[in-house]
Structure formats: C-alpha cells, structure tokens
C-alpha cells in the first residue's frame, strides 16, 4: 500500500512539474510590448550610412521576455514599399524566423520563413547587435505586412559557445 501511495505522489509531482514548466515556457516569461514603449520602435539599417533609422509602422503588436534575448516578436504594417526598401535598407540573407507561442497568433514563423525563401517577403537588418550577438530582423511582404524578431548572429554563436570571436566581430562589451 505504501508503494502505491509513493508512486502516486511521484506521478502527481511529475505532472505538476511538467505543467509548470510548460506554463513558464509558453506563457509565464512573456510580456506584451506596448506600442508606445521604446521597445516598440522598429528601426531598420540604411545601406548608405550603415546606421539604423526609425521605420514607418502602424498596428504594432509585440511580445518580449527578460529571460532570453531572442524572445522578441512583433507584427505590424508599413506604408514603405519593398521596391524602395531594397534600394535603401540592408538585406538580411540569413533570416530564419523563430517560432512564437501559439497564443501570439499574428506571428507565423513557418509561413514567414516559406515566404522569405519563395521571395514573397523580403528580410532586412533591423539593428545589428541590438544586444551583443543578437540582430533584430525585419521581414516585409509586398502588401505592407511586416514582422520582426531577434536572431543570433555569427558573433553571438561564437560568444555563446565560448569560442574565440572571429576578427570580423566587434569586441564583446561584457568582457
């Protein structure tokens, strides 16, 4: 009888821990980014100056988390045309949208990744090293729908793995 009771306690504890882990991964650490917040300012890197500049946007919806620098996701629209943007702003050929929680329904990473590969959406560098080793990437469809997320860049891959940084990387400010 004691063995069954102990087994029951272990199973119930494991289920509770699993449910808590799921909750924290999918809901617990995310917060909505208010459209009026400085975190909601979407900037995009100009080809000529190499500097990010504010992007014209409307209808901003965003989420972020303090627990990870790559949890930022945003959905918005822009009146800027892709034709103008490709001549003005730096592209981002290595764009790989990261999956958002299911409850943040405006951001579909799989559809966005397919659209980027098919050429129906174009990816741009928002801000390089917005946090060291992390780039903000922006993807824009021809109809003005736009999305942003944070993605680990080459320098970040080396830094986070503890490997020596390539010469092309800026110094890590945390070292």
Protein backbone atom coordinates (compact mmCIF):
# COMPACT_ATOMS: atom_id res chain seq x y z
CA UNK A 1 0.00 0.00 0.00
CA UNK A 2 2.83 2.43 0.87
CA UNK A 3 4.47 1.68 -2.50
CA UNK A 4 1.31 2.62 -4.42
CA UNK A 5 0.96 5.82 -2.39
CA UNK A 6 4.58 6.77 -3.03
CA UNK A 7 4.24 6.00 -6.74
CA UNK A 8 1.09 8.16 -6.85
CA UNK A 9 2.88 11.07 -5.16
CA UNK A 10 5.78 10.79 -7.61
CA UNK A 11 3.46 10.71 -10.64
CA UNK A 12 1.39 13.67 -9.39
CA UNK A 13 4.56 15.65 -8.61
CA UNK A 14 5.97 14.91 -12.08
CA UNK A 15 2.71 16.00 -13.74
CA UNK A 16 2.61 19.22 -11.69
CA UNK A 17 6.26 19.99 -12.52
CA UNK A 18 5.65 19.31 -16.22
CA UNK A 19 2.58 21.55 -16.27
CA UNK A 20 4.51 24.33 -14.51
CA UNK A 21 7.42 24.02 -16.96
CA UNK A 22 5.04 24.18 -19.92
CA UNK A 23 3.29 27.24 -18.49
CA UNK A 24 6.54 29.12 -17.89
CA UNK A 25 7.92 28.32 -21.36
CA UNK A 26 4.77 29.27 -23.25
CA UNK A 27 3.15 31.98 -21.10
CA UNK A 28 4.98 32.85 -17.91
CA UNK A 29 8.00 34.80 -19.07
CA UNK A 30 6.44 36.70 -21.99
CA UNK A 31 5.08 40.21 -21.65
CA UNK A 32 3.27 42.27 -24.24
CA UNK A 33 5.24 45.18 -25.65
CA UNK A 34 3.07 48.29 -25.66
CA UNK A 35 3.01 50.24 -28.94
CA UNK A 36 4.00 53.41 -27.04
CA UNK A 37 7.02 51.70 -25.44
CA UNK A 38 10.60 52.45 -26.61
CA UNK A 39 10.93 48.69 -27.23
CA UNK A 40 8.24 49.03 -29.90
CA UNK A 41 10.32 51.42 -32.00
CA UNK A 42 11.26 49.45 -35.09
CA UNK A 43 14.49 50.62 -36.68
CA UNK A 44 15.98 49.45 -39.97
CA UNK A 45 19.59 49.76 -41.16
CA UNK A 46 20.30 52.14 -44.03
CA UNK A 47 22.65 50.80 -46.74
CA UNK A 48 24.48 54.12 -47.21
CA UNK A 49 25.04 55.15 -43.59
CA UNK A 50 25.11 51.68 -42.07
CA UNK A 51 23.06 53.11 -39.20
CA UNK A 52 19.57 52.06 -38.10
CA UNK A 53 16.83 54.62 -38.56
CA UNK A 54 13.18 54.64 -37.45
CA UNK A 55 10.82 52.74 -39.73
CA UNK A 56 7.30 53.92 -40.53
CA UNK A 57 4.91 51.44 -38.92
CA UNK A 58 1.29 51.08 -37.78
CA UNK A 59 -0.72 48.48 -35.88
CA UNK A 60 2.16 47.26 -33.74
CA UNK A 61 1.67 44.07 -31.68
CA UNK A 62 4.67 42.68 -29.84
CA UNK A 63 5.90 40.32 -27.13
CA UNK A 64 9.24 40.04 -25.37
CA UNK A 65 10.84 38.41 -22.36
CA UNK A 66 13.62 39.29 -19.95
CA UNK A 67 14.53 35.59 -19.73
CA UNK A 68 16.05 35.41 -23.24
CA UNK A 69 17.28 37.97 -25.78
CA UNK A 70 15.71 36.03 -28.68
CA UNK A 71 12.10 36.01 -27.47
CA UNK A 72 11.15 39.33 -29.12
CA UNK A 73 8.45 39.02 -31.82
CA UNK A 74 6.41 41.77 -33.47
CA UNK A 75 3.74 42.15 -36.11
CA UNK A 76 2.89 45.47 -37.77
CA UNK A 77 2.26 47.12 -41.12
CA UNK A 78 4.31 49.63 -43.05
CA UNK A 79 3.44 52.02 -45.88
CA UNK A 80 7.00 51.66 -47.22
CA UNK A 81 7.22 49.65 -50.46
CA UNK A 82 9.59 46.72 -50.81
CA UNK A 83 10.90 48.26 -54.06
CA UNK A 84 12.05 51.37 -52.16
CA UNK A 85 13.22 49.39 -49.15
CA UNK A 86 15.50 47.03 -51.13
CA UNK A 87 17.31 50.07 -52.56
CA UNK A 88 17.53 51.88 -49.23
CA UNK A 89 17.94 49.29 -46.49
CA UNK A 90 20.34 46.44 -45.83
CA UNK A 91 19.03 42.96 -46.61
CA UNK A 92 19.38 40.00 -44.25
CA UNK A 93 20.07 36.85 -46.29
CA UNK A 94 20.35 34.53 -43.25
CA UNK A 95 16.85 35.30 -41.93
CA UNK A 96 15.24 32.41 -40.06
CA UNK A 97 12.08 33.44 -38.21
CA UNK A 98 11.83 31.91 -34.76
CA UNK A 99 8.59 30.27 -33.64
CA UNK A 100 6.36 32.33 -31.37
CA UNK A 101 3.98 30.93 -28.75
CA UNK A 102 0.67 29.76 -30.24
CA UNK A 103 -1.24 32.43 -28.33
CA UNK A 104 0.65 35.17 -30.24
CA UNK A 105 -1.31 34.32 -33.36
CA UNK A 106 -0.23 37.18 -35.65
CA UNK A 107 3.31 35.72 -35.95
CA UNK A 108 3.55 32.53 -38.04
CA UNK A 109 7.26 31.69 -38.33
CA UNK A 110 6.77 28.75 -40.69
CA UNK A 111 4.69 30.75 -43.19
CA UNK A 112 7.06 33.70 -42.91
CA UNK A 113 10.14 31.51 -43.47
CA UNK A 114 8.49 29.94 -46.52
CA UNK A 115 7.60 33.40 -47.88
CA UNK A 116 11.18 34.64 -47.43
CA UNK A 117 12.57 31.58 -49.26
CA UNK A 118 9.97 31.98 -52.03
CA UNK A 119 10.73 35.70 -52.39
CA UNK A 120 7.21 36.87 -51.49
CA UNK A 121 8.62 38.52 -48.34
CA UNK A 122 11.95 40.30 -48.02
CA UNK A 123 14.15 40.23 -44.93
CA UNK A 124 16.10 43.28 -43.76
CA UNK A 125 18.58 44.01 -40.99
CA UNK A 126 16.72 45.99 -38.38
CA UNK A 127 19.56 46.53 -35.93
CA UNK A 128 22.80 44.61 -35.75
CA UNK A 129 23.82 43.64 -32.21
CA UNK A 130 20.69 45.15 -30.66
CA UNK A 131 22.01 43.06 -27.77
CA UNK A 132 25.54 41.76 -28.33
CA UNK A 133 25.37 38.73 -30.63
CA UNK A 134 21.68 39.30 -31.42
CA UNK A 135 20.29 41.04 -34.51
CA UNK A 136 16.77 42.40 -34.92
CA UNK A 137 15.47 41.13 -38.26
CA UNK A 138 12.51 42.58 -40.15
CA UNK A 139 10.57 40.86 -42.93
CA UNK A 140 8.14 42.72 -45.17
CA UNK A 141 5.54 41.43 -47.62
CA UNK A 142 4.64 43.47 -50.72
CA UNK A 143 1.22 44.24 -49.22
CA UNK A 144 2.85 46.02 -46.24
CA UNK A 145 2.51 43.30 -43.61
CA UNK A 146 5.72 43.23 -41.61
CA UNK A 147 7.27 41.17 -38.83
CA UNK A 148 10.30 41.48 -36.58
CA UNK A 149 12.21 39.06 -34.37
CA UNK A 150 15.61 38.69 -32.73
CA UNK A 151 18.07 36.21 -34.18
CA UNK A 152 21.53 35.09 -33.05
CA UNK A 153 24.22 36.34 -35.42
CA UNK A 154 27.62 34.79 -36.21
CA UNK A 155 29.40 36.69 -33.43
CA UNK A 156 26.72 35.59 -30.98
CA UNK A 157 27.12 31.94 -31.96
CA UNK A 158 30.84 32.12 -31.15
CA UNK A 159 30.36 34.17 -27.97
CA UNK A 160 27.56 31.97 -26.57
CA UNK A 161 29.53 28.79 -27.31
CA UNK A 162 32.58 30.21 -25.52
CA UNK A 163 34.68 30.08 -28.69
CA UNK A 164 37.17 32.83 -29.65
CA UNK A 165 35.46 35.56 -31.68
CA UNK A 166 36.38 35.92 -35.37
CA UNK A 167 38.34 39.08 -36.26
CA UNK A 168 35.25 40.46 -38.04
CA UNK A 169 33.29 40.62 -34.76
CA UNK A 170 33.24 43.73 -32.60
CA UNK A 171 34.56 43.25 -29.05
CA UNK A 172 32.04 41.81 -26.61
CA UNK A 173 31.19 44.67 -24.21
CA UNK A 174 30.51 42.23 -21.36
CA UNK A 175 34.12 41.02 -21.34
